[in-house]
Every structure is written in structure tokens, then in C-alpha cells.
Amino acid sequence: MRNQYLERSLRVLKSLVFSSLVVFVALIQFWKVPVISTAVQVLAFLSWILALKDSDRMSRSVSVILVATGAVLFILTGVPVFKALSTFSDNTQILMVMVLVPLLGTVIDMGGYSESLSIVCQGLRNPFLLHFVASFLAYATGSVLLNAAIALVWAVMVPVVRRAVDDPETFLASSVPRGYNASLLWTPASPCMAVALSLTGIQWSSLFNPGLLLSLVMLALATLVQWRDPLVTGGKSPPGDLLQTTPFGESLDPSFLDRRRAVLKTGALALGLASFIGGVICLEAAGFTAIQAVVPCIVVAVLVWSLFLRKLREAVKASVSYVSEKIPGLSRQYLLMTTAGFIGTAAKLFAGSNFASSIPSVLPWSEQANKLAFTLLTSLLIWLISILGIHPLIGMSVTYSLVSRLASAYTGRHVTLTLLLGSALGFNISPVSATMLVTSSCCGRNTFDTGIKLQWRFVLCMWVVGSFILSLLNV
């Protein structure tokens, strides 16, 4: 009984601390008051402590090691203890985006858009085309819904893919995460975009065109790299009655489907997602930062969408349920971003200190501008660190601190896009990234099989092609 009481009290405390942190971080985006800043710093440190207990063993071990390393770097640079502890809050604005964006999924669930997507896609048979469609759907929906899009697209595509290939799980595990991660190169809702912008200090709007171009290359390569793969080329022709319903219980017999209604509903979903992105663009043009713009866009999108669906009361209930039930379960995300703030700031301060400047550079070309070499090295470091079990978002901060002296030779846009390329590839191959965790959950396999084993060839190709394209772009 006592243990149950303690567990219940701890959950209430986590809900209060985690939710309060998000609220105060949102407030400070528009109302910079010292008291709120102090509250954010205290709540961020408390969040890290509370998140340690309920995170998985690997995340907990990595966090403790990184925080210990950061503490050593702070000591070497002479940073006071209280100032060092306050850096747990340095990435909380990215954490806020990670926590708030899934609220958009509540109205999409209520709108029944998954069923419409499944109906629209049910006529596809060609495996190569299916691979691209699965990647594209994850790309389009992931630009707003983030990794929640993986589960959505998976549910939509599984019954369709099952008719065309012998191994639908592996097929989707190779296509869906690649498409989603391609969207991370440009979408303002992406946490890695927020991290990259905070590191380099440039505006998101200046990255939109080159980031979109690079993401389309990644989207195309996601399928092209499977050109000779039997997984895509070796389809099958099962009996026509193999699949009679979608996972949502609707018949797939064309004589019973209102395809016109499904197409219109899918178009409404596309319009809603595009409106969200358009709102962020307009607000940034009006002087907001990308982080500031995302907050009101999420609130307005949920409100307008639920009114359009005539389900405002259900949306409010779902949002309250999300805050009270889902947020306390986000220990891993809170642990990740508070740790990233601490180690990232420690590494950045150390890289700019007199102590670090006395360490000779091991890079023979560090004093001359070599754009391609810089792009290859920086992006490589991020996704290699990711393979070792360090989250790509932390890998971005650590890598940037290591190459900061070299980065000064290039434009902020190029450095930011290089960081984004490395993190997008890291999300594809890291065993601890949310992308691979969700994907492995959908297909019932471990993250090593869905990550390194399945994605290594694509990651290597995109690393070379993406770095070459970035070195040619005038950014």
C-alpha cells in the first residue's frame, strides 16, 4: 500500500513538474521575466532528476556519463556550480516543441483521416511504387506530426503492402523511417531543426529552400537505393480475397467504397498540414522565431481543426488527457533534452576556452576552407556518435562544439544544413532514436535490425550524395 502511494505521488509530481516546465518555457518565449527564467532552470533540473528513474537503462547510463563529462568540462572552464546547473534548461524550448506537437495528432485521430488514406492507397500493387508512396506519406505527415506519423503511415500501408510483398514489416521498416527523417531537413516542427538553429543562431526561413531541396533528394534516394533489392523488385500476386478490410474495419471492395469522399478527406488533411507550415512561415516573416511561431500555430491548429470537425469538446478532453496521462510518461524525452542542454553548453564553453585553444588541432586542413571535407566530417561525426547509442540531438551539440573553430570558415546556413544532414542520418541508424524505437515497435523487431542492419547502405549513400550536394549549393 505504501509503495502504491509513493508511486502515485511520484506520478503526480512528475506530471506537475513536467507540465509546468512546458508552460513556463512557452511563456518565456513571449514574456521574458527573470522569475520565469529562474523557474525554468529549477524545473529543468528537477525534470532531469525525476526522469532518471523511469527512463530505460541505456538512456539513463548515457545521461549519467554525459552529465559527468559535462561537469568535468565545467570545472576545467571555471564555471560556478549554480550556473552549470542552470544549463539543464538550455534545450527546453526544443523539449517544448517535442511535447506540444503531438497534440495535433489528437484532431487527426478524431477526423478519421487514417481510414481515408488507407482507402486512397488500396489500389496500389507495384512494390517499387509502394515503397515510394510509403516514404512520401511519412515525409508529408511527419513534417507536422513528427514520429507519430510513423505509426499512422504503418497502419495505413500494412494491409496494402501485404498484398504486394512477402515481408511487409521489413518493407515498411526500410521505407517509412527514411521518408519521415527526410522531412527533418526542413520542417520547423522538427526538434533537430530547433537544436541546429539554437547552435548557429540563424533564421529558419533562410533554410527552407535548400533544406527542402536536400530533403527531396533524400526522399528519392530512399527508394532508389532499393532499385535491385528483391524486397522491392520481387513482388507477389496473392489471391484477390487475401485482404478484405482495412485495419479500421472498412471493406476494401471498390463497390463499397466512397473513394471520392476519401480523396476529399485526404485533401483536407493535406490542406491542414500545409496550413500549419504556412502559419509558421507567416509568423516568422512577421518577426517571430521558429520556436515562437510553432507555439501559437499548434494552439490555433488544434482549435480550428476541432471546430471544423465539430468536436471541440472531444479535443479539449483529449488534450487534458494528454497532459495528465501522456506527459508523465515522457521521461526519456525529458532526460534526453535536459542532458543535451547540459553537455552541449559544457562542450561549447570548453571549445571556446583558453584550455581548449592550447590543444593542437589534429585536422591538417583546419586552417583552410574545404567545404566538402567539412561537410563530410561533421555529418559523419553526428551519425557515428548516434550508432554508439548517443542520441542524434546530443550528437549535434557535441559535434558542433568539436568543429566550432572550423565552422567559422563557412556560412551559418551551410553549417546548419550540415548538422541537419548528420542528425537525419543519425535518426535513421541510431538504436536509441525515437524513429527507430517507434519503427521497431511497429514491426516487432529490435532497433539494431531496423536501424543499422537495414539502413546502413542508405545512410552511406545519402551521406556522400547529401554532402556533395551541400558543398555545391551556394549556401
Protein backbone atom coordinates (compact mmCIF):
# COMPACT_ATOMS: atom_id res chain seq x y z
CA MET A 1 0.00 0.00 0.00
CA ARG A 2 2.80 2.38 0.91
CA ASN A 3 4.63 1.64 -2.36
CA GLN A 4 1.46 2.31 -4.33
CA TYR A 5 1.02 5.62 -2.55
CA LEU A 6 4.62 6.60 -3.29
CA GLU A 7 4.27 5.63 -6.94
CA ARG A 8 1.05 7.64 -7.25
CA SER A 9 2.64 10.65 -5.54
CA LEU A 10 5.68 10.44 -7.79
CA ARG A 11 3.50 10.33 -10.88
CA VAL A 12 1.54 13.38 -9.72
CA LEU A 13 4.81 15.20 -9.00
CA LYS A 14 6.19 14.31 -12.44
CA SER A 15 3.00 15.47 -14.11
CA LEU A 16 3.16 18.76 -12.24
CA VAL A 17 6.87 19.37 -12.85
CA PHE A 18 6.89 18.21 -16.49
CA SER A 19 3.74 20.17 -17.41
CA SER A 20 4.84 23.30 -15.53
CA LEU A 21 8.17 23.25 -17.35
CA VAL A 22 6.46 23.23 -20.74
CA VAL A 23 4.08 26.03 -19.71
CA PHE A 24 6.85 28.26 -18.34
CA VAL A 25 9.06 27.64 -21.38
CA ALA A 26 6.14 28.63 -23.63
CA LEU A 27 5.57 31.79 -21.56
CA ILE A 28 9.20 32.84 -21.67
CA GLN A 29 9.15 32.76 -25.47
CA PHE A 30 6.93 35.85 -25.37
CA TRP A 31 7.36 37.27 -21.87
CA LYS A 32 10.96 37.36 -20.73
CA VAL A 33 10.77 37.82 -16.97
CA PRO A 34 13.68 36.85 -14.65
CA VAL A 35 11.35 35.00 -12.28
CA ILE A 36 10.09 32.77 -15.10
CA SER A 37 13.66 32.13 -16.29
CA THR A 38 14.65 31.03 -12.79
CA ALA A 39 11.58 28.79 -12.57
CA VAL A 40 12.51 27.14 -15.89
CA GLN A 41 16.05 26.47 -14.67
CA VAL A 42 14.84 24.89 -11.42
CA LEU A 43 12.13 22.84 -13.13
CA ALA A 44 14.58 21.61 -15.79
CA PHE A 45 16.97 20.29 -13.14
CA LEU A 46 14.08 18.66 -11.25
CA SER A 47 12.85 17.14 -14.51
CA TRP A 48 16.24 15.57 -15.13
CA ILE A 49 16.26 14.02 -11.65
CA LEU A 50 12.67 12.72 -11.95
CA ALA A 51 13.27 11.42 -15.48
CA LEU A 52 16.27 9.32 -14.42
CA LYS A 53 14.17 6.80 -12.52
CA ASP A 54 11.69 5.90 -15.26
CA SER A 55 13.97 6.05 -18.31
CA ASP A 56 15.36 2.87 -19.86
CA ARG A 57 18.73 1.60 -18.67
CA MET A 58 20.68 2.68 -21.76
CA SER A 59 19.29 6.24 -21.72
CA ARG A 60 19.96 6.50 -18.01
CA SER A 61 23.55 5.26 -18.34
CA VAL A 62 24.32 7.55 -21.30
CA SER A 63 22.80 10.53 -19.46
CA VAL A 64 24.84 9.96 -16.30
CA ILE A 65 28.07 9.55 -18.30
CA LEU A 66 27.41 12.70 -20.34
CA VAL A 67 26.46 14.76 -17.29
CA ALA A 68 29.64 13.57 -15.50
CA THR A 69 31.68 14.54 -18.57
CA GLY A 70 29.96 17.92 -18.72
CA ALA A 71 30.66 18.50 -15.04
CA VAL A 72 34.39 17.92 -15.66
CA LEU A 73 34.33 20.38 -18.58
CA PHE A 74 32.57 22.99 -16.46
CA ILE A 75 35.21 22.56 -13.73
CA LEU A 76 38.02 22.94 -16.27
CA THR A 77 36.48 26.16 -17.61
CA GLY A 78 35.83 27.53 -14.11
CA VAL A 79 32.03 27.81 -14.37
CA PRO A 80 30.24 28.24 -10.98
CA VAL A 81 28.09 25.33 -9.81
CA PHE A 82 24.75 27.16 -9.93
CA LYS A 83 25.43 28.48 -13.41
CA ALA A 84 26.35 24.97 -14.57
CA LEU A 85 23.15 23.51 -13.11
CA SER A 86 21.09 26.16 -14.89
CA THR A 87 22.26 24.79 -18.27
CA PHE A 88 19.93 21.80 -17.88
CA SER A 89 17.32 24.27 -19.20
CA ASP A 90 19.25 25.30 -22.32
CA ASN A 91 17.36 22.94 -24.65
CA THR A 92 13.95 23.10 -23.01
CA GLN A 93 12.48 25.09 -25.88
CA ILE A 94 13.14 22.09 -28.13
CA LEU A 95 11.60 19.87 -25.46
CA MET A 96 8.52 22.11 -25.52
CA VAL A 97 8.13 21.52 -29.27
CA MET A 98 8.55 17.75 -28.81
CA VAL A 99 5.82 17.71 -26.16
CA LEU A 100 3.31 20.07 -27.82
CA VAL A 101 3.41 18.92 -31.46
CA PRO A 102 1.75 15.52 -30.72
CA LEU A 103 -1.38 17.45 -29.71
CA LEU A 104 -2.03 17.82 -33.44
CA GLY A 105 -2.38 14.05 -33.60
CA THR A 106 -5.48 14.19 -31.40
CA VAL A 107 -7.54 16.04 -34.00
CA ILE A 108 -6.20 13.86 -36.81
CA ASP A 109 -7.31 10.77 -34.89
CA MET A 110 -10.76 12.28 -34.38
CA GLY A 111 -11.05 13.20 -38.06
CA GLY A 112 -10.72 9.62 -39.30
CA TYR A 113 -8.04 10.58 -41.83
CA SER A 114 -6.23 7.26 -41.44
CA GLU A 115 -9.17 5.37 -42.91
CA SER A 116 -9.33 7.75 -45.88
CA LEU A 117 -5.60 7.36 -46.58
CA SER A 118 -5.95 3.59 -46.50
CA ILE A 119 -8.82 3.71 -49.00
CA VAL A 120 -6.92 6.02 -51.36
CA CYS A 121 -3.84 3.75 -51.32
CA GLN A 122 -5.67 0.41 -51.57
CA GLY A 123 -5.39 0.18 -55.36
CA LEU A 124 -1.58 0.21 -55.41
CA ARG A 125 0.19 -3.02 -56.38
CA ASN A 126 3.68 -2.19 -57.72
CA PRO A 127 6.24 -2.76 -54.91
CA PHE A 128 8.61 -0.04 -56.13
CA LEU A 129 5.77 2.50 -56.25
CA LEU A 130 4.51 1.32 -52.87
CA HIS A 131 7.96 1.90 -51.36
CA PHE A 132 7.94 5.48 -52.59
CA VAL A 133 4.34 6.13 -51.53
CA ALA A 134 5.02 4.85 -48.00
CA SER A 135 8.11 7.08 -47.79
CA PHE A 136 6.22 10.08 -49.18
CA LEU A 137 3.28 9.69 -46.78
CA ALA A 138 5.70 9.57 -43.84
CA TYR A 139 7.52 12.58 -45.29
CA ALA A 140 4.36 14.67 -45.69
CA THR A 141 2.67 13.81 -42.40
CA GLY A 142 5.93 13.65 -40.45
CA SER A 143 6.67 17.28 -41.29
CA VAL A 144 3.96 18.20 -38.76
CA LEU A 145 3.22 15.10 -36.66
CA LEU A 146 6.89 14.09 -36.19
CA ASN A 147 7.45 10.44 -35.24
CA ALA A 148 3.73 9.91 -34.60
CA ALA A 149 3.48 9.81 -38.40
CA ILE A 150 5.38 6.50 -38.46
CA ALA A 151 2.64 4.63 -36.61
CA LEU A 152 -0.06 6.40 -38.67
CA VAL A 153 1.50 5.51 -42.04
CA TRP A 154 2.29 2.00 -40.83
CA ALA A 155 -1.36 1.33 -40.01
CA VAL A 156 -2.43 2.77 -43.37
CA MET A 157 0.09 0.88 -45.51
CA VAL A 158 0.35 -2.57 -43.88
CA PRO A 159 -2.83 -4.03 -45.47
CA VAL A 160 -1.88 -2.56 -48.85
CA VAL A 161 1.75 -3.70 -48.77
CA ARG A 162 0.80 -7.19 -47.56
CA ARG A 163 -0.79 -7.90 -50.94
CA ALA A 164 2.33 -6.95 -52.87
CA VAL A 165 5.37 -8.27 -50.97
CA ASP A 166 6.27 -11.32 -48.90
CA ASP A 167 7.78 -9.37 -45.98
CA PRO A 168 5.66 -6.23 -45.36
CA GLU A 169 7.32 -5.47 -41.99
CA THR A 170 10.83 -5.24 -43.45
CA PHE A 171 9.47 -3.41 -46.48
CA LEU A 172 7.87 -0.69 -44.37
CA ALA A 173 10.80 -0.56 -41.93
CA SER A 174 13.02 0.38 -44.88
CA SER A 175 10.67 3.00 -46.34
CA VAL A 176 8.66 4.76 -43.62
CA PRO A 177 11.50 5.98 -41.33
CA ARG A 178 13.53 7.21 -44.30
CA GLY A 179 10.64 9.31 -45.54
CA TYR A 180 9.95 10.73 -42.10
CA ASN A 181 13.60 11.57 -41.44
CA ALA A 182 13.84 13.36 -44.79
CA SER A 183 11.26 15.86 -43.52
CA LEU A 184 13.54 16.72 -40.59
CA LEU A 185 15.81 18.60 -43.01
CA TRP A 186 13.32 21.45 -43.43
CA THR A 187 10.23 21.29 -41.17
CA PRO A 188 10.04 23.94 -38.41
CA ALA A 189 8.34 21.40 -36.11
CA SER A 190 11.45 19.23 -36.05
CA PRO A 191 13.41 19.10 -32.74
CA CYS A 192 16.69 18.72 -34.62
CA MET A 193 15.85 21.88 -36.58
CA ALA A 194 15.34 23.71 -33.29
CA VAL A 195 18.66 22.40 -31.94
CA ALA A 196 20.53 23.35 -35.11
CA LEU A 197 19.04 26.86 -35.16
CA SER A 198 19.89 27.39 -31.49
CA LEU A 199 23.50 26.34 -32.15
CA THR A 200 24.08 28.53 -35.21
CA GLY A 201 21.63 31.37 -34.46
CA ILE A 202 20.20 31.73 -37.97
CA GLN A 203 16.54 32.01 -39.07
CA TRP A 204 14.53 29.01 -40.20
CA SER A 205 13.17 30.82 -43.26
CA SER A 206 16.68 31.08 -44.72
CA LEU A 207 16.92 27.26 -44.67
CA PHE A 208 13.56 26.48 -46.21
CA ASN A 209 14.59 26.30 -49.89
CA PRO A 210 17.93 24.44 -49.59
CA GLY A 211 16.56 22.24 -46.79
CA LEU A 212 13.52 21.30 -48.88
CA LEU A 213 15.74 20.52 -51.88
CA LEU A 214 18.04 18.31 -49.80
CA SER A 215 15.03 16.54 -48.26
CA LEU A 216 13.59 15.74 -51.71
CA VAL A 217 16.94 14.23 -52.72
CA MET A 218 16.84 12.12 -49.56
CA LEU A 219 13.25 11.11 -50.27
CA ALA A 220 14.14 9.98 -53.81
CA LEU A 221 17.26 8.15 -52.67
CA ALA A 222 15.22 6.33 -50.00
CA THR A 223 13.61 4.27 -52.77
CA LEU A 224 16.33 4.41 -55.44
CA VAL A 225 18.80 2.69 -53.13
CA GLN A 226 16.43 -0.33 -53.17
CA TRP A 227 16.43 -0.49 -57.01
CA ARG A 228 17.91 -4.01 -57.21
CA ASP A 229 16.70 -5.19 -53.83
CA PRO A 230 14.46 -8.31 -54.02
CA LEU A 231 12.43 -6.77 -51.20
CA VAL A 232 11.12 -4.21 -53.71
CA THR A 233 11.53 -5.90 -57.08
CA GLY A 234 10.27 -9.33 -56.01
CA GLY A 235 6.58 -8.75 -55.52
CA LYS A 236 3.87 -11.40 -55.33
CA SER A 237 0.38 -11.93 -56.67
CA PRO A 238 -1.72 -13.28 -53.82
CA PRO A 239 -5.36 -14.35 -54.15
CA GLY A 240 -7.77 -11.47 -54.54
CA ASP A 241 -9.53 -12.26 -51.28
CA LEU A 242 -6.37 -12.07 -49.16
CA LEU A 243 -7.32 -8.66 -47.87
CA GLN A 244 -10.94 -7.75 -47.39
CA THR A 245 -10.76 -4.94 -44.85
CA THR A 246 -8.54 -2.12 -43.69
CA PRO A 247 -7.20 -2.20 -40.13
CA PHE A 248 -10.09 0.13 -39.32
CA GLY A 249 -12.75 -2.44 -40.25
CA GLU A 250 -13.83 -0.99 -43.61
CA SER A 251 -14.30 -3.17 -46.68
CA LEU A 252 -11.75 -2.78 -49.45
CA ASP A 253 -14.12 -3.99 -52.12
CA PRO A 254 -14.31 -1.00 -54.53
CA SER A 255 -18.05 -1.44 -54.90
CA PHE A 256 -18.47 -0.47 -51.24
CA LEU A 257 -16.05 2.41 -51.06
CA ASP A 258 -16.82 6.06 -51.38
CA ARG A 259 -13.48 6.86 -52.99
CA ARG A 260 -14.47 10.41 -53.81
CA ARG A 261 -15.13 11.14 -50.13
CA ALA A 262 -11.81 9.51 -49.16
CA VAL A 263 -9.90 11.62 -51.69
CA LEU A 264 -11.57 14.82 -50.48
CA LYS A 265 -10.80 13.94 -46.87
CA THR A 266 -7.18 13.21 -47.74
CA GLY A 267 -7.04 16.58 -49.48
CA ALA A 268 -8.40 18.23 -46.33
CA LEU A 269 -5.65 16.58 -44.31
CA ALA A 270 -3.02 17.86 -46.75
CA LEU A 271 -4.52 21.35 -46.56
CA GLY A 272 -4.47 21.27 -42.77
CA LEU A 273 -0.82 20.20 -42.62
CA ALA A 274 0.17 22.78 -45.24
CA SER A 275 -1.72 25.48 -43.32
CA PHE A 276 0.28 24.71 -40.20
CA ILE A 277 3.58 25.10 -42.07
CA GLY A 278 2.26 28.22 -43.80
CA GLY A 279 1.31 29.72 -40.43
CA VAL A 280 4.86 29.22 -39.14
CA ILE A 281 6.26 30.86 -42.28
CA CYS A 282 3.94 33.88 -41.93
CA LEU A 283 4.71 34.37 -38.24
CA GLU A 284 8.44 34.15 -38.81
CA ALA A 285 8.11 36.72 -41.61
CA ALA A 286 6.36 38.92 -39.03
CA GLY A 287 9.40 38.76 -36.74
CA PHE A 288 8.83 35.65 -34.63
CA THR A 289 11.47 32.98 -34.25
CA ALA A 290 10.64 29.47 -35.49
CA ILE A 291 10.16 28.25 -31.91
CA GLN A 292 7.88 31.18 -31.06
CA ALA A 293 5.86 30.63 -34.22
CA VAL A 294 5.26 26.93 -33.56
CA VAL A 295 3.51 27.50 -30.21
CA PRO A 296 0.53 29.63 -31.39
CA CYS A 297 0.30 27.60 -34.61
CA ILE A 298 -0.23 24.40 -32.60
CA VAL A 299 -2.91 26.04 -30.43
CA VAL A 300 -4.72 27.57 -33.41
CA ALA A 301 -4.47 24.39 -35.48
CA VAL A 302 -6.00 22.23 -32.74
CA LEU A 303 -8.75 24.78 -32.07
CA VAL A 304 -9.68 25.44 -35.72
CA TRP A 305 -9.42 21.80 -36.76
CA SER A 306 -11.62 20.61 -33.88
CA LEU A 307 -14.19 23.33 -34.68
CA PHE A 308 -14.16 22.27 -38.32
CA LEU A 309 -14.80 18.67 -37.24
CA ARG A 310 -17.42 19.88 -34.72
CA LYS A 311 -15.55 18.05 -31.98
CA LEU A 312 -14.24 20.87 -29.80
CA ARG A 313 -15.33 19.19 -26.57
CA GLU A 314 -13.64 15.92 -27.56
CA ALA A 315 -10.46 17.81 -28.48
CA VAL A 316 -10.37 19.55 -25.10
CA LYS A 317 -10.85 16.23 -23.30
CA ALA A 318 -8.13 14.59 -25.40
CA SER A 319 -5.74 17.47 -24.71
CA VAL A 320 -6.38 17.31 -20.96
CA SER A 321 -5.89 13.55 -21.05
CA TYR A 322 -2.63 14.00 -22.93
CA VAL A 323 -1.30 16.43 -20.31
CA SER A 324 -2.38 14.33 -17.32
CA GLU A 325 -1.61 10.86 -18.67
CA LYS A 326 0.91 11.03 -21.52
CA ILE A 327 3.29 13.78 -20.35
CA PRO A 328 4.32 11.95 -17.14
CA GLY A 329 5.33 9.04 -19.36
CA LEU A 330 7.74 11.15 -21.42
CA SER A 331 10.66 10.64 -19.04
CA ARG A 332 13.01 9.63 -21.85
CA GLN A 333 12.36 12.83 -23.81
CA TYR A 334 12.83 15.00 -20.73
CA LEU A 335 16.02 13.16 -19.80
CA LEU A 336 17.33 13.49 -23.34
CA MET A 337 16.81 17.24 -23.75
CA THR A 338 17.93 18.29 -20.26
CA THR A 339 21.09 16.19 -20.69
CA ALA A 340 21.64 17.67 -24.15
CA GLY A 341 21.42 21.19 -22.73
CA PHE A 342 23.98 20.42 -20.02
CA ILE A 343 26.60 18.59 -22.11
CA GLY A 344 26.08 20.81 -25.16
CA THR A 345 26.71 24.01 -23.22
CA ALA A 346 29.65 22.46 -21.37
CA ALA A 347 31.27 21.34 -24.61
CA LYS A 348 30.65 24.70 -26.28
CA LEU A 349 32.21 26.65 -23.39
CA PHE A 350 35.16 24.27 -23.25
CA ALA A 351 35.75 24.56 -27.02
CA GLY A 352 35.97 28.35 -26.69
CA SER A 353 38.13 28.34 -23.57
CA ASN A 354 41.84 29.05 -23.27
CA PHE A 355 42.32 25.48 -22.10
CA ALA A 356 40.94 24.10 -25.37
CA SER A 357 42.84 26.56 -27.54
CA SER A 358 46.11 25.19 -26.17
CA ILE A 359 45.26 21.73 -27.54
CA PRO A 360 46.77 21.34 -31.02
CA SER A 361 44.37 20.52 -33.85
CA VAL A 362 44.59 17.05 -35.34
CA LEU A 363 42.98 18.17 -38.60
CA PRO A 364 45.60 19.07 -41.25
CA TRP A 365 43.15 21.20 -43.23
CA SER A 366 41.69 23.10 -40.27
CA GLU A 367 43.05 26.46 -41.36
CA GLN A 368 41.80 26.38 -44.93
CA ALA A 369 38.30 26.32 -46.31
CA ASN A 370 37.43 22.84 -47.61
CA LYS A 371 33.68 22.78 -47.88
CA LEU A 372 33.17 19.16 -48.92
CA ALA A 373 35.62 17.80 -46.33
CA PHE A 374 33.96 19.87 -43.58
CA THR A 375 30.51 18.66 -44.60
CA LEU A 376 31.56 15.02 -44.78
CA LEU A 377 33.41 15.12 -41.46
CA THR A 378 30.75 16.99 -39.47
CA SER A 379 27.79 14.93 -40.68
CA LEU A 380 29.81 11.72 -40.26
CA LEU A 381 30.64 12.51 -36.64
CA ILE A 382 26.97 13.01 -35.79
CA TRP A 383 25.70 9.73 -37.20
CA LEU A 384 28.71 7.75 -35.97
CA ILE A 385 28.09 9.08 -32.45
CA SER A 386 24.45 8.05 -32.91
CA ILE A 387 25.46 4.46 -33.64
CA LEU A 388 27.24 4.34 -30.27
CA GLY A 389 23.93 4.94 -28.50
CA ILE A 390 24.15 8.71 -28.03
CA HIS A 391 21.00 10.41 -29.29
CA PRO A 392 21.46 12.39 -32.56
CA LEU A 393 20.27 15.62 -30.88
CA ILE A 394 23.05 15.31 -28.31
CA GLY A 395 25.40 14.29 -31.09
CA MET A 396 24.66 17.56 -32.88
CA SER A 397 25.60 19.65 -29.85
CA VAL A 398 28.76 17.65 -29.13
CA THR A 399 29.87 17.66 -32.78
CA TYR A 400 29.26 21.38 -33.18
CA SER A 401 31.41 22.11 -30.16
CA LEU A 402 34.20 19.99 -31.68
CA VAL A 403 34.12 21.67 -35.10
CA SER A 404 33.17 25.20 -34.00
CA ARG A 405 36.59 26.61 -34.90
CA LEU A 406 36.32 25.11 -38.39
CA ALA A 407 32.70 26.19 -38.77
CA SER A 408 33.65 29.87 -38.71
CA ALA A 409 35.01 29.48 -42.24
CA TYR A 410 31.53 28.73 -43.61
CA THR A 411 28.14 30.39 -43.66
CA GLY A 412 25.67 29.74 -40.87
CA ARG A 413 23.24 28.22 -43.37
CA HIS A 414 25.78 25.68 -44.60
CA VAL A 415 26.78 24.70 -41.07
CA THR A 416 23.14 24.33 -40.02
CA LEU A 417 22.26 22.17 -43.04
CA THR A 418 25.32 20.02 -42.39
CA LEU A 419 24.20 19.47 -38.80
CA LEU A 420 20.69 18.62 -40.01
CA LEU A 421 22.03 16.12 -42.56
CA GLY A 422 24.07 14.34 -39.89
CA SER A 423 21.17 14.23 -37.45
CA ALA A 424 18.68 12.99 -40.09
CA LEU A 425 21.04 10.14 -40.92
CA GLY A 426 21.61 9.56 -37.21
CA PHE A 427 17.87 9.17 -36.65
CA ASN A 428 17.87 6.50 -39.38
CA ILE A 429 20.60 4.40 -37.83
CA SER A 430 20.69 5.16 -34.10
CA PRO A 431 19.35 2.35 -31.87
CA VAL A 432 18.10 4.93 -29.34
CA SER A 433 16.39 7.44 -31.66
CA ALA A 434 12.62 7.86 -31.45
CA THR A 435 12.40 6.99 -35.15
CA MET A 436 13.90 3.54 -34.67
CA LEU A 437 12.10 2.92 -31.37
CA VAL A 438 8.70 3.59 -32.97
CA THR A 439 9.63 1.62 -36.10
CA SER A 440 10.84 -1.38 -34.11
CA SER A 441 7.65 -1.26 -32.06
CA CYS A 442 5.53 -1.32 -35.23
CA CYS A 443 7.35 -4.27 -36.83
CA GLY A 444 8.12 -6.20 -33.63
CA ARG A 445 11.90 -6.25 -34.10
CA ASN A 446 14.80 -4.76 -32.17
CA THR A 447 16.27 -1.38 -33.06
CA PHE A 448 19.53 -2.92 -34.27
CA ASP A 449 17.67 -4.84 -37.01
CA THR A 450 15.52 -1.86 -38.05
CA GLY A 451 18.41 0.60 -37.73
CA ILE A 452 21.99 -0.37 -38.53
CA LYS A 453 21.22 -3.68 -40.25
CA LEU A 454 18.52 -2.30 -42.54
CA GLN A 455 19.60 1.31 -43.03
CA TRP A 456 23.41 1.27 -43.32
CA ARG A 457 23.51 1.23 -47.13
CA PHE A 458 21.02 4.08 -47.43
CA VAL A 459 22.85 6.13 -44.77
CA LEU A 460 26.20 5.74 -46.53
CA CYS A 461 24.71 6.72 -49.92
CA MET A 462 22.86 9.73 -48.55
CA TRP A 463 25.89 10.82 -46.52
CA VAL A 464 28.04 11.02 -49.67
CA VAL A 465 25.34 12.38 -52.02
CA GLY A 466 23.97 14.84 -49.47
CA SER A 467 27.42 16.18 -48.54
CA PHE A 468 28.32 16.60 -52.21
CA ILE A 469 25.10 18.50 -52.94
CA LEU A 470 25.57 20.75 -49.91
CA SER A 471 29.13 21.55 -50.98
CA LEU A 472 27.81 22.65 -54.40
CA LEU A 473 24.90 24.75 -53.12
CA ASN A 474 25.51 28.46 -52.70
CA VAL A 475 24.60 28.50 -49.02
